[in-house]
Amino acid sequence: AIKRRLDGYRRSDNLFYPIRIDGAFKHVRTRAVSPPKNH
């Protein structure tokens, strides 16, 4: 739903867009990689 809303603000599919969303989030699922073993 957030992506669909953001799509409405983009003027082109060929440009970079920085996006900042400040808020109170009911749930945010994130991930972080760890350094891999043996490079």
PDB file of all heavy atoms in Angstrom:
ATOM      1  N   ALA A   1       0.836  -1.206   0.000  1.00  0.00           N
ATOM      2  CA  ALA A   1       0.000   0.000   0.000  1.00  0.00           C
ATOM      3  C   ALA A   1       0.870   1.254   0.000  1.00  0.00           C
ATOM      4  O   ALA A   1       0.575   2.230  -0.701  1.00  0.00           O
ATOM      5  CB  ALA A   1      -0.930   0.006   1.201  1.00  0.00           C
ATOM      6  N   ILE A   2       1.956   1.219   0.756  1.00  0.00           N
ATOM      7  CA  ILE A   2       2.882   2.362   0.761  1.00  0.00           C
ATOM      8  C   ILE A   2       3.492   2.550  -0.622  1.00  0.00           C
ATOM      9  O   ILE A   2       3.564   3.669  -1.143  1.00  0.00           O
ATOM     10  CB  ILE A   2       3.982   2.159   1.828  1.00  0.00           C
ATOM     11  CG1 ILE A   2       3.372   2.231   3.225  1.00  0.00           C
ATOM     12  CG2 ILE A   2       5.097   3.188   1.667  1.00  0.00           C
ATOM     13  CD1 ILE A   2       4.325   1.825   4.337  1.00  0.00           C
ATOM     14  N   LYS A   3       3.922   1.458  -1.245  1.00  0.00           N
ATOM     15  CA  LYS A   3       4.527   1.566  -2.581  1.00  0.00           C
ATOM     16  C   LYS A   3       3.527   2.124  -3.588  1.00  0.00           C
ATOM     17  O   LYS A   3       3.890   2.966  -4.418  1.00  0.00           O
ATOM     18  CB  LYS A   3       5.071   0.207  -3.044  1.00  0.00           C
ATOM     19  CG  LYS A   3       6.289  -0.232  -2.260  1.00  0.00           C
ATOM     20  CD  LYS A   3       6.969  -1.451  -2.848  1.00  0.00           C
ATOM     21  CE  LYS A   3       6.128  -2.679  -2.795  1.00  0.00           C
ATOM     22  NZ  LYS A   3       6.827  -3.895  -3.257  1.00  0.00           N
ATOM     23  N   ARG A   4       2.278   1.676  -3.535  1.00  0.00           N
ATOM     24  CA  ARG A   4       1.262   2.197  -4.464  1.00  0.00           C
ATOM     25  C   ARG A   4       1.071   3.698  -4.253  1.00  0.00           C
ATOM     26  O   ARG A   4       0.957   4.459  -5.212  1.00  0.00           O
ATOM     27  CB  ARG A   4      -0.065   1.456  -4.296  1.00  0.00           C
ATOM     28  CG  ARG A   4      -0.068   0.074  -4.927  1.00  0.00           C
ATOM     29  CD  ARG A   4      -1.461  -0.531  -4.981  1.00  0.00           C
ATOM     30  NE  ARG A   4      -2.087  -0.656  -3.675  1.00  0.00           N
ATOM     31  CZ  ARG A   4      -1.938  -1.705  -2.856  1.00  0.00           C
ATOM     32  NH1 ARG A   4      -1.175  -2.714  -3.212  1.00  0.00           N
ATOM     33  NH2 ARG A   4      -2.561  -1.732  -1.704  1.00  0.00           N
ATOM     34  N   ARG A   5       1.048   4.121  -3.011  1.00  0.00           N
ATOM     35  CA  ARG A   5       0.906   5.553  -2.715  1.00  0.00           C
ATOM     36  C   ARG A   5       2.105   6.333  -3.256  1.00  0.00           C
ATOM     37  O   ARG A   5       1.957   7.382  -3.876  1.00  0.00           O
ATOM     38  CB  ARG A   5       0.760   5.749  -1.202  1.00  0.00           C
ATOM     39  CG  ARG A   5       0.661   7.185  -0.751  1.00  0.00           C
ATOM     40  CD  ARG A   5      -0.680   7.795  -1.213  1.00  0.00           C
ATOM     41  NE  ARG A   5      -0.811   9.154  -0.791  1.00  0.00           N
ATOM     42  CZ  ARG A   5      -1.620   9.583   0.158  1.00  0.00           C
ATOM     43  NH1 ARG A   5      -2.388   8.728   0.792  1.00  0.00           N
ATOM     44  NH2 ARG A   5      -1.678  10.839   0.459  1.00  0.00           N
ATOM     45  N   LEU A   6       3.291   5.813  -3.033  1.00  0.00           N
ATOM     46  CA  LEU A   6       4.508   6.481  -3.518  1.00  0.00           C
ATOM     47  C   LEU A   6       4.559   6.524  -5.041  1.00  0.00           C
ATOM     48  O   LEU A   6       5.044   7.505  -5.619  1.00  0.00           O
ATOM     49  CB  LEU A   6       5.753   5.793  -2.961  1.00  0.00           C
ATOM     50  CG  LEU A   6       5.950   5.913  -1.453  1.00  0.00           C
ATOM     51  CD1 LEU A   6       7.099   5.026  -0.990  1.00  0.00           C
ATOM     52  CD2 LEU A   6       6.171   7.359  -1.045  1.00  0.00           C
ATOM     53  N   ASP A   7       4.064   5.472  -5.687  1.00  0.00           N
ATOM     54  CA  ASP A   7       4.015   5.462  -7.155  1.00  0.00           C
ATOM     55  C   ASP A   7       3.265   6.682  -7.689  1.00  0.00           C
ATOM     56  O   ASP A   7       3.608   7.218  -8.744  1.00  0.00           O
ATOM     57  CB  ASP A   7       3.343   4.187  -7.674  1.00  0.00           C
ATOM     58  CG  ASP A   7       4.225   2.960  -7.582  1.00  0.00           C
ATOM     59  OD1 ASP A   7       5.456   3.096  -7.396  1.00  0.00           O
ATOM     60  OD2 ASP A   7       3.667   1.838  -7.691  1.00  0.00           O
ATOM     61  N   GLY A   8       2.256   7.131  -6.961  1.00  0.00           N
ATOM     62  CA  GLY A   8       1.474   8.290  -7.382  1.00  0.00           C
ATOM     63  C   GLY A   8       2.249   9.592  -7.348  1.00  0.00           C
ATOM     64  O   GLY A   8       1.873  10.563  -8.013  1.00  0.00           O
ATOM     65  N   TYR A   9       3.322   9.640  -6.589  1.00  0.00           N
ATOM     66  CA  TYR A   9       4.144  10.845  -6.520  1.00  0.00           C
ATOM     67  C   TYR A   9       5.254  10.872  -7.567  1.00  0.00           C
ATOM     68  O   TYR A   9       5.785  11.928  -7.882  1.00  0.00           O
ATOM     69  CB  TYR A   9       4.794  10.975  -5.130  1.00  0.00           C
ATOM     70  CG  TYR A   9       3.821  11.180  -4.012  1.00  0.00           C
ATOM     71  CD1 TYR A   9       3.720  10.256  -2.986  1.00  0.00           C
ATOM     72  CD2 TYR A   9       2.994  12.296  -3.975  1.00  0.00           C
ATOM     73  CE1 TYR A   9       2.829  10.436  -1.940  1.00  0.00           C
ATOM     74  CE2 TYR A   9       2.089  12.483  -2.940  1.00  0.00           C
ATOM     75  CZ  TYR A   9       2.018  11.558  -1.928  1.00  0.00           C
ATOM     76  OH  TYR A   9       1.128  11.739  -0.902  1.00  0.00           O
ATOM     77  N   ARG A  10       5.632   9.716  -8.079  1.00  0.00           N
ATOM     78  CA  ARG A  10       6.733   9.659  -9.053  1.00  0.00           C
ATOM     79  C   ARG A  10       6.262  10.148 -10.417  1.00  0.00           C
ATOM     80  O   ARG A  10       5.221   9.732 -10.896  1.00  0.00           O
ATOM     81  CB  ARG A  10       7.276   8.231  -9.170  1.00  0.00           C
ATOM     82  CG  ARG A  10       8.009   7.778  -7.941  1.00  0.00           C
ATOM     83  CD  ARG A  10       8.757   6.462  -8.107  1.00  0.00           C
ATOM     84  NE  ARG A  10       7.885   5.336  -8.432  1.00  0.00           N
ATOM     85  CZ  ARG A  10       7.797   4.767  -9.631  1.00  0.00           C
ATOM     86  NH1 ARG A  10       8.526   5.191 -10.636  1.00  0.00           N
ATOM     87  NH2 ARG A  10       6.973   3.757  -9.826  1.00  0.00           N
ATOM     88  N   ARG A  11       7.046  11.014 -11.029  1.00  0.00           N
ATOM     89  CA  ARG A  11       6.728  11.533 -12.364  1.00  0.00           C
ATOM     90  C   ARG A  11       7.262  10.638 -13.472  1.00  0.00           C
ATOM     91  O   ARG A  11       6.854  10.753 -14.618  1.00  0.00           O
ATOM     92  CB  ARG A  11       7.324  12.933 -12.537  1.00  0.00           C
ATOM     93  CG  ARG A  11       6.748  13.974 -11.611  1.00  0.00           C
ATOM     94  CD  ARG A  11       7.352  15.338 -11.918  1.00  0.00           C
ATOM     95  NE  ARG A  11       8.776  15.226 -12.204  1.00  0.00           N
ATOM     96  CZ  ARG A  11       9.752  15.668 -11.410  1.00  0.00           C
ATOM     97  NH1 ARG A  11       9.475  16.248 -10.289  1.00  0.00           N
ATOM     98  NH2 ARG A  11      11.011  15.515 -11.748  1.00  0.00           N
ATOM     99  N   SER A  12       8.222   9.772 -13.135  1.00  0.00           N
ATOM    100  CA  SER A  12       8.864   8.949 -14.148  1.00  0.00           C
ATOM    101  C   SER A  12       9.396   7.668 -13.515  1.00  0.00           C
ATOM    102  O   SER A  12       9.793   7.664 -12.349  1.00  0.00           O
ATOM    103  CB  SER A  12      10.029   9.730 -14.778  1.00  0.00           C
ATOM    104  OG  SER A  12      10.797   8.895 -15.623  1.00  0.00           O
ATOM    105  N   ASP A  13       9.442   6.612 -14.307  1.00  0.00           N
ATOM    106  CA  ASP A  13      10.072   5.370 -13.865  1.00  0.00           C
ATOM    107  C   ASP A  13      11.577   5.407 -14.084  1.00  0.00           C
ATOM    108  O   ASP A  13      12.281   4.466 -13.721  1.00  0.00           O
ATOM    109  CB  ASP A  13       9.492   4.172 -14.629  1.00  0.00           C
ATOM    110  CG  ASP A  13       8.063   3.869 -14.226  1.00  0.00           C
ATOM    111  OD1 ASP A  13       7.653   4.258 -13.116  1.00  0.00           O
ATOM    112  OD2 ASP A  13       7.356   3.233 -15.031  1.00  0.00           O
ATOM    113  N   ASN A  14      12.086   6.477 -14.707  1.00  0.00           N
ATOM    114  CA  ASN A  14      13.499   6.565 -15.073  1.00  0.00           C
ATOM    115  C   ASN A  14      14.293   7.546 -14.228  1.00  0.00           C
ATOM    116  O   ASN A  14      15.377   7.961 -14.621  1.00  0.00           O
ATOM    117  CB  ASN A  14      13.636   6.935 -16.550  1.00  0.00           C
ATOM    118  CG  ASN A  14      13.160   5.813 -17.433  1.00  0.00           C
ATOM    119  OD1 ASN A  14      13.436   4.647 -17.173  1.00  0.00           O
ATOM    120  ND2 ASN A  14      12.423   6.152 -18.471  1.00  0.00           N
ATOM    121  N   LEU A  15      13.757   7.927 -13.077  1.00  0.00           N
ATOM    122  CA  LEU A  15      14.450   8.842 -12.175  1.00  0.00           C
ATOM    123  C   LEU A  15      14.632   8.200 -10.807  1.00  0.00           C
ATOM    124  O   LEU A  15      13.861   7.325 -10.417  1.00  0.00           O
ATOM    125  CB  LEU A  15      13.647  10.145 -12.004  1.00  0.00           C
ATOM    126  CG  LEU A  15      13.439  11.000 -13.236  1.00  0.00           C
ATOM    127  CD1 LEU A  15      12.490  12.156 -12.929  1.00  0.00           C
ATOM    128  CD2 LEU A  15      14.767  11.520 -13.762  1.00  0.00           C
ATOM    129  N   PHE A  16      15.655   8.644 -10.084  1.00  0.00           N
ATOM    130  CA  PHE A  16      15.844   8.250  -8.691  1.00  0.00           C
ATOM    131  C   PHE A  16      15.002   9.168  -7.817  1.00  0.00           C
ATOM    132  O   PHE A  16      14.884  10.359  -8.107  1.00  0.00           O
ATOM    133  CB  PHE A  16      17.320   8.393  -8.288  1.00  0.00           C
ATOM    134  CG  PHE A  16      18.209   7.376  -8.927  1.00  0.00           C
ATOM    135  CD1 PHE A  16      18.724   7.570 -10.196  1.00  0.00           C
ATOM    136  CD2 PHE A  16      18.546   6.211  -8.245  1.00  0.00           C
ATOM    137  CE1 PHE A  16      19.551   6.639 -10.788  1.00  0.00           C
ATOM    138  CE2 PHE A  16      19.367   5.269  -8.830  1.00  0.00           C
ATOM    139  CZ  PHE A  16      19.873   5.479 -10.103  1.00  0.00           C
ATOM    140  N   TYR A  17      14.436   8.635  -6.740  1.00  0.00           N
ATOM    141  CA  TYR A  17      13.641   9.430  -5.813  1.00  0.00           C
ATOM    142  C   TYR A  17      14.058   9.106  -4.377  1.00  0.00           C
ATOM    143  O   TYR A  17      13.992   7.938  -3.970  1.00  0.00           O
ATOM    144  CB  TYR A  17      12.145   9.114  -5.951  1.00  0.00           C
ATOM    145  CG  TYR A  17      11.546   9.606  -7.234  1.00  0.00           C
ATOM    146  CD1 TYR A  17      11.498   8.792  -8.359  1.00  0.00           C
ATOM    147  CD2 TYR A  17      11.021  10.897  -7.331  1.00  0.00           C
ATOM    148  CE1 TYR A  17      10.958   9.247  -9.545  1.00  0.00           C
ATOM    149  CE2 TYR A  17      10.476  11.351  -8.513  1.00  0.00           C
ATOM    150  CZ  TYR A  17      10.445  10.521  -9.618  1.00  0.00           C
ATOM    151  OH  TYR A  17       9.902  10.975 -10.797  1.00  0.00           O
ATOM    152  N   PRO A  18      14.465  10.117  -3.611  1.00  0.00           N
ATOM    153  CA  PRO A  18      14.679   9.888  -2.186  1.00  0.00           C
ATOM    154  C   PRO A  18      13.337   9.981  -1.463  1.00  0.00           C
ATOM    155  O   PRO A  18      12.490  10.809  -1.816  1.00  0.00           O
ATOM    156  CB  PRO A  18      15.605  11.035  -1.783  1.00  0.00           C
ATOM    157  CG  PRO A  18      15.260  12.140  -2.735  1.00  0.00           C
ATOM    158  CD  PRO A  18      14.848  11.456  -4.025  1.00  0.00           C
ATOM    159  N   ILE A  19      13.139   9.130  -0.474  1.00  0.00           N
ATOM    160  CA  ILE A  19      11.849   9.073   0.223  1.00  0.00           C
ATOM    161  C   ILE A  19      12.105   9.004   1.726  1.00  0.00           C
ATOM    162  O   ILE A  19      12.845   8.133   2.197  1.00  0.00           O
ATOM    163  CB  ILE A  19      11.047   7.830  -0.207  1.00  0.00           C
ATOM    164  CG1 ILE A  19      10.834   7.840  -1.718  1.00  0.00           C
ATOM    165  CG2 ILE A  19       9.725   7.754   0.551  1.00  0.00           C
ATOM    166  CD1 ILE A  19      10.608   6.473  -2.305  1.00  0.00           C
ATOM    167  N   ARG A  20      11.485   9.911   2.434  1.00  0.00           N
ATOM    168  CA  ARG A  20      11.574   9.903   3.895  1.00  0.00           C
ATOM    169  C   ARG A  20      10.158   9.815   4.449  1.00  0.00           C
ATOM    170  O   ARG A  20       9.311  10.655   4.126  1.00  0.00           O
ATOM    171  CB  ARG A  20      12.251  11.174   4.400  1.00  0.00           C
ATOM    172  CG  ARG A  20      12.291  11.251   5.910  1.00  0.00           C
ATOM    173  CD  ARG A  20      13.020  12.478   6.409  1.00  0.00           C
ATOM    174  NE  ARG A  20      12.940  12.522   7.857  1.00  0.00           N
ATOM    175  CZ  ARG A  20      13.710  13.278   8.611  1.00  0.00           C
ATOM    176  NH1 ARG A  20      14.621  14.064   8.062  1.00  0.00           N
ATOM    177  NH2 ARG A  20      13.561  13.255   9.918  1.00  0.00           N
ATOM    178  N   ILE A  21       9.928   8.796   5.271  1.00  0.00           N
ATOM    179  CA  ILE A  21       8.630   8.627   5.919  1.00  0.00           C
ATOM    180  C   ILE A  21       8.863   8.580   7.422  1.00  0.00           C
ATOM    181  O   ILE A  21       9.462   7.632   7.941  1.00  0.00           O
ATOM    182  CB  ILE A  21       7.905   7.349   5.443  1.00  0.00           C
ATOM    183  CG1 ILE A  21       7.712   7.373   3.923  1.00  0.00           C
ATOM    184  CG2 ILE A  21       6.573   7.212   6.172  1.00  0.00           C
ATOM    185  CD1 ILE A  21       7.134   6.085   3.359  1.00  0.00           C
ATOM    186  N   ASP A  22       8.427   9.625   8.116  1.00  0.00           N
ATOM    187  CA  ASP A  22       8.494   9.681   9.575  1.00  0.00           C
ATOM    188  C   ASP A  22       7.133   9.284  10.111  1.00  0.00           C
ATOM    189  O   ASP A  22       6.111   9.714   9.577  1.00  0.00           O
ATOM    190  CB  ASP A  22       8.808  11.102  10.047  1.00  0.00           C
ATOM    191  CG  ASP A  22      10.176  11.582   9.599  1.00  0.00           C
ATOM    192  OD1 ASP A  22      11.170  10.956  10.014  1.00  0.00           O
ATOM    193  OD2 ASP A  22      10.245  12.569   8.847  1.00  0.00           O
ATOM    194  N   GLY A  23       7.120   8.489  11.176  1.00  0.00           N
ATOM    195  CA  GLY A  23       5.822   8.140  11.713  1.00  0.00           C
ATOM    196  C   GLY A  23       5.865   7.186  12.874  1.00  0.00           C
ATOM    197  O   GLY A  23       6.927   6.765  13.337  1.00  0.00           O
ATOM    198  N   ALA A  24       4.661   6.849  13.301  1.00  0.00           N
ATOM    199  CA  ALA A  24       4.445   5.819  14.302  1.00  0.00           C
ATOM    200  C   ALA A  24       3.966   4.595  13.529  1.00  0.00           C
ATOM    201  O   ALA A  24       2.944   4.647  12.850  1.00  0.00           O
ATOM    202  CB  ALA A  24       3.406   6.276  15.321  1.00  0.00           C
ATOM    203  N   PHE A  25       4.710   3.525  13.611  1.00  0.00           N
ATOM    204  CA  PHE A  25       4.436   2.325  12.833  1.00  0.00           C
ATOM    205  C   PHE A  25       3.920   1.223  13.751  1.00  0.00           C
ATOM    206  O   PHE A  25       4.543   0.918  14.772  1.00  0.00           O
ATOM    207  CB  PHE A  25       5.705   1.852  12.121  1.00  0.00           C
ATOM    208  CG  PHE A  25       6.269   2.868  11.168  1.00  0.00           C
ATOM    209  CD1 PHE A  25       7.207   3.803  11.597  1.00  0.00           C
ATOM    210  CD2 PHE A  25       5.858   2.904   9.849  1.00  0.00           C
ATOM    211  CE1 PHE A  25       7.724   4.747  10.729  1.00  0.00           C
ATOM    212  CE2 PHE A  25       6.369   3.838   8.968  1.00  0.00           C
ATOM    213  CZ  PHE A  25       7.304   4.770   9.409  1.00  0.00           C
ATOM    214  N   LYS A  26       2.812   0.627  13.363  1.00  0.00           N
ATOM    215  CA  LYS A  26       2.263  -0.479  14.139  1.00  0.00           C
ATOM    216  C   LYS A  26       3.226  -1.664  14.111  1.00  0.00           C
ATOM    217  O   LYS A  26       3.422  -2.344  15.109  1.00  0.00           O
ATOM    218  CB  LYS A  26       0.901  -0.882  13.561  1.00  0.00           C
ATOM    219  CG  LYS A  26       0.206  -1.964  14.327  1.00  0.00           C
ATOM    220  CD  LYS A  26      -1.171  -2.235  13.727  1.00  0.00           C
ATOM    221  CE  LYS A  26      -1.870  -3.362  14.444  1.00  0.00           C
ATOM    222  NZ  LYS A  26      -3.162  -3.646  13.833  1.00  0.00           N
ATOM    223  N   HIS A  27       3.843  -1.879  12.939  1.00  0.00           N
ATOM    224  CA  HIS A  27       4.765  -3.008  12.788  1.00  0.00           C
ATOM    225  C   HIS A  27       5.747  -2.694  11.662  1.00  0.00           C
ATOM    226  O   HIS A  27       5.332  -2.311  10.571  1.00  0.00           O
ATOM    227  CB  HIS A  27       3.982  -4.282  12.464  1.00  0.00           C
ATOM    228  CG  HIS A  27       4.845  -5.474  12.238  1.00  0.00           C
ATOM    229  ND1 HIS A  27       4.637  -6.349  11.204  1.00  0.00           N
ATOM    230  CD2 HIS A  27       5.927  -5.956  12.900  1.00  0.00           C
ATOM    231  CE1 HIS A  27       5.549  -7.313  11.242  1.00  0.00           C
ATOM    232  NE2 HIS A  27       6.341  -7.089  12.262  1.00  0.00           N
ATOM    233  N   VAL A  28       7.023  -2.853  11.953  1.00  0.00           N
ATOM    234  CA  VAL A  28       8.063  -2.722  10.927  1.00  0.00           C
ATOM    235  C   VAL A  28       8.920  -3.978  11.007  1.00  0.00           C
ATOM    236  O   VAL A  28       9.462  -4.309  12.062  1.00  0.00           O
ATOM    237  CB  VAL A  28       8.959  -1.475  11.147  1.00  0.00           C
ATOM    238  CG1 VAL A  28      10.042  -1.412  10.080  1.00  0.00           C
ATOM    239  CG2 VAL A  28       8.137  -0.201  11.149  1.00  0.00           C
ATOM    240  N   ARG A  29       9.013  -4.687   9.896  1.00  0.00           N
ATOM    241  CA  ARG A  29       9.876  -5.878   9.823  1.00  0.00           C
ATOM    242  C   ARG A  29      11.101  -5.499   9.002  1.00  0.00           C
ATOM    243  O   ARG A  29      10.975  -5.003   7.881  1.00  0.00           O
ATOM    244  CB  ARG A  29       9.162  -7.043   9.178  1.00  0.00           C
ATOM    245  CG  ARG A  29      10.121  -8.208   8.941  1.00  0.00           C
ATOM    246  CD  ARG A  29       9.419  -9.458   8.607  1.00  0.00           C
ATOM    247  NE  ARG A  29       9.772 -10.331   9.719  1.00  0.00           N
ATOM    248  CZ  ARG A  29       9.223 -11.476   9.970  1.00  0.00           C
ATOM    249  NH1 ARG A  29       8.264 -11.927   9.239  1.00  0.00           N
ATOM    250  NH2 ARG A  29       9.629 -12.190  10.985  1.00  0.00           N
ATOM    251  N   THR A  30      12.278  -5.717   9.591  1.00  0.00           N
ATOM    252  CA  THR A  30      13.524  -5.366   8.917  1.00  0.00           C
ATOM    253  C   THR A  30      14.459  -6.564   8.908  1.00  0.00           C
ATOM    254  O   THR A  30      14.201  -7.574   9.561  1.00  0.00           O
ATOM    255  CB  THR A  30      14.216  -4.187   9.630  1.00  0.00           C
ATOM    256  OG1 THR A  30      14.641  -4.613  10.926  1.00  0.00           O
ATOM    257  CG2 THR A  30      13.303  -2.986   9.752  1.00  0.00           C
ATOM    258  N   ARG A  31      15.569  -6.391   8.212  1.00  0.00           N
ATOM    259  CA  ARG A  31      16.598  -7.427   8.197  1.00  0.00           C
ATOM    260  C   ARG A  31      17.953  -6.747   8.139  1.00  0.00           C
ATOM    261  O   ARG A  31      18.079  -5.610   7.685  1.00  0.00           O
ATOM    262  CB  ARG A  31      16.437  -8.354   7.007  1.00  0.00           C
ATOM    263  CG  ARG A  31      16.582  -7.617   5.684  1.00  0.00           C
ATOM    264  CD  ARG A  31      16.867  -8.532   4.524  1.00  0.00           C
ATOM    265  NE  ARG A  31      17.090  -7.766   3.329  1.00  0.00           N
ATOM    266  CZ  ARG A  31      18.211  -7.149   3.007  1.00  0.00           C
ATOM    267  NH1 ARG A  31      19.229  -7.181   3.817  1.00  0.00           N
ATOM    268  NH2 ARG A  31      18.342  -6.486   1.892  1.00  0.00           N
ATOM    269  N   ALA A  32      18.957  -7.441   8.616  1.00  0.00           N
ATOM    270  CA  ALA A  32      20.329  -6.946   8.530  1.00  0.00           C
ATOM    271  C   ALA A  32      21.247  -8.134   8.296  1.00  0.00           C
ATOM    272  O   ALA A  32      21.153  -9.141   8.995  1.00  0.00           O
ATOM    273  CB  ALA A  32      20.718  -6.216   9.815  1.00  0.00           C
ATOM    274  N   VAL A  33      22.105  -8.014   7.315  1.00  0.00           N
ATOM    275  CA  VAL A  33      23.054  -9.091   7.044  1.00  0.00           C
ATOM    276  C   VAL A  33      24.223  -8.982   8.004  1.00  0.00           C
ATOM    277  O   VAL A  33      24.564  -7.907   8.483  1.00  0.00           O
ATOM    278  CB  VAL A  33      23.556  -9.078   5.580  1.00  0.00           C
ATOM    279  CG1 VAL A  33      22.434  -9.338   4.610  1.00  0.00           C
ATOM    280  CG2 VAL A  33      24.279  -7.798   5.253  1.00  0.00           C
ATOM    281  N   SER A  34      24.819 -10.130   8.287  1.00  0.00           N
ATOM    282  CA  SER A  34      26.046 -10.202   9.074  1.00  0.00           C
ATOM    283  C   SER A  34      27.192 -10.436   8.109  1.00  0.00           C
ATOM    284  O   SER A  34      26.983 -10.968   7.014  1.00  0.00           O
ATOM    285  CB  SER A  34      25.982 -11.376  10.056  1.00  0.00           C
ATOM    286  OG  SER A  34      24.930 -11.196  10.962  1.00  0.00           O
ATOM    287  N   PRO A  35      28.406 -10.073   8.516  1.00  0.00           N
ATOM    288  CA  PRO A  35      29.536 -10.376   7.626  1.00  0.00           C
ATOM    289  C   PRO A  35      29.563 -11.876   7.321  1.00  0.00           C
ATOM    290  O   PRO A  35      29.474 -12.699   8.235  1.00  0.00           O
ATOM    291  CB  PRO A  35      30.760  -9.962   8.453  1.00  0.00           C
ATOM    292  CG  PRO A  35      30.236  -8.969   9.434  1.00  0.00           C
ATOM    293  CD  PRO A  35      28.826  -9.404   9.731  1.00  0.00           C
ATOM    294  N   PRO A  36      29.662 -12.255   6.051  1.00  0.00           N
ATOM    295  CA  PRO A  36      29.660 -13.676   5.704  1.00  0.00           C
ATOM    296  C   PRO A  36      30.970 -14.347   6.114  1.00  0.00           C
ATOM    297  O   PRO A  36      32.015 -13.710   6.169  1.00  0.00           O
ATOM    298  CB  PRO A  36      29.487 -13.684   4.189  1.00  0.00           C
ATOM    299  CG  PRO A  36      29.990 -12.360   3.754  1.00  0.00           C
ATOM    300  CD  PRO A  36      29.721 -11.406   4.873  1.00  0.00           C
ATOM    301  N   LYS A  37      30.875 -15.623   6.389  1.00  0.00           N
ATOM    302  CA  LYS A  37      32.067 -16.398   6.737  1.00  0.00           C
ATOM    303  C   LYS A  37      32.937 -16.577   5.506  1.00  0.00           C
ATOM    304  O   LYS A  37      32.441 -16.732   4.390  1.00  0.00           O
ATOM    305  CB  LYS A  37      31.660 -17.757   7.297  1.00  0.00           C
ATOM    306  CG  LYS A  37      30.917 -17.634   8.605  1.00  0.00           C
ATOM    307  CD  LYS A  37      30.470 -18.979   9.117  1.00  0.00           C
ATOM    308  CE  LYS A  37      29.746 -18.723  10.419  1.00  0.00           C
ATOM    309  NZ  LYS A  37      28.912 -19.778  10.840  1.00  0.00           N
ATOM    310  N   ASN A  38      34.230 -16.546   5.709  1.00  0.00           N
ATOM    311  CA  ASN A  38      35.213 -16.790   4.645  1.00  0.00           C
ATOM    312  C   ASN A  38      35.010 -15.888   3.431  1.00  0.00           C
ATOM    313  O   ASN A  38      35.212 -16.305   2.299  1.00  0.00           O
ATOM    314  CB  ASN A  38      35.189 -18.255   4.211  1.00  0.00           C
ATOM    315  CG  ASN A  38      35.443 -19.184   5.373  1.00  0.00           C
ATOM    316  OD1 ASN A  38      36.280 -18.897   6.229  1.00  0.00           O
ATOM    317  ND2 ASN A  38      34.705 -20.280   5.437  1.00  0.00           N
ATOM    318  N   HIS A  39      34.572 -14.658   3.671  1.00  0.00           N
ATOM    319  CA  HIS A  39      34.375 -13.675   2.591  1.00  0.00           C
ATOM    320  C   HIS A  39      33.476 -14.207   1.485  1.00  0.00           C
ATOM    321  O   HIS A  39      33.748 -14.037   0.306  1.00  0.00           O
ATOM    322  CB  HIS A  39      35.727 -13.227   2.018  1.00  0.00           C
ATOM    323  CG  HIS A  39      36.575 -12.561   3.044  1.00  0.00           C
ATOM    324  ND1 HIS A  39      36.281 -11.329   3.553  1.00  0.00           N
ATOM    325  CD2 HIS A  39      37.702 -12.985   3.690  1.00  0.00           C
ATOM    326  CE1 HIS A  39      37.191 -11.005   4.450  1.00  0.00           C
ATOM    327  NE2 HIS A  39      38.053 -11.986   4.565  1.00  0.00           N
TER     328      HIS A  39
END
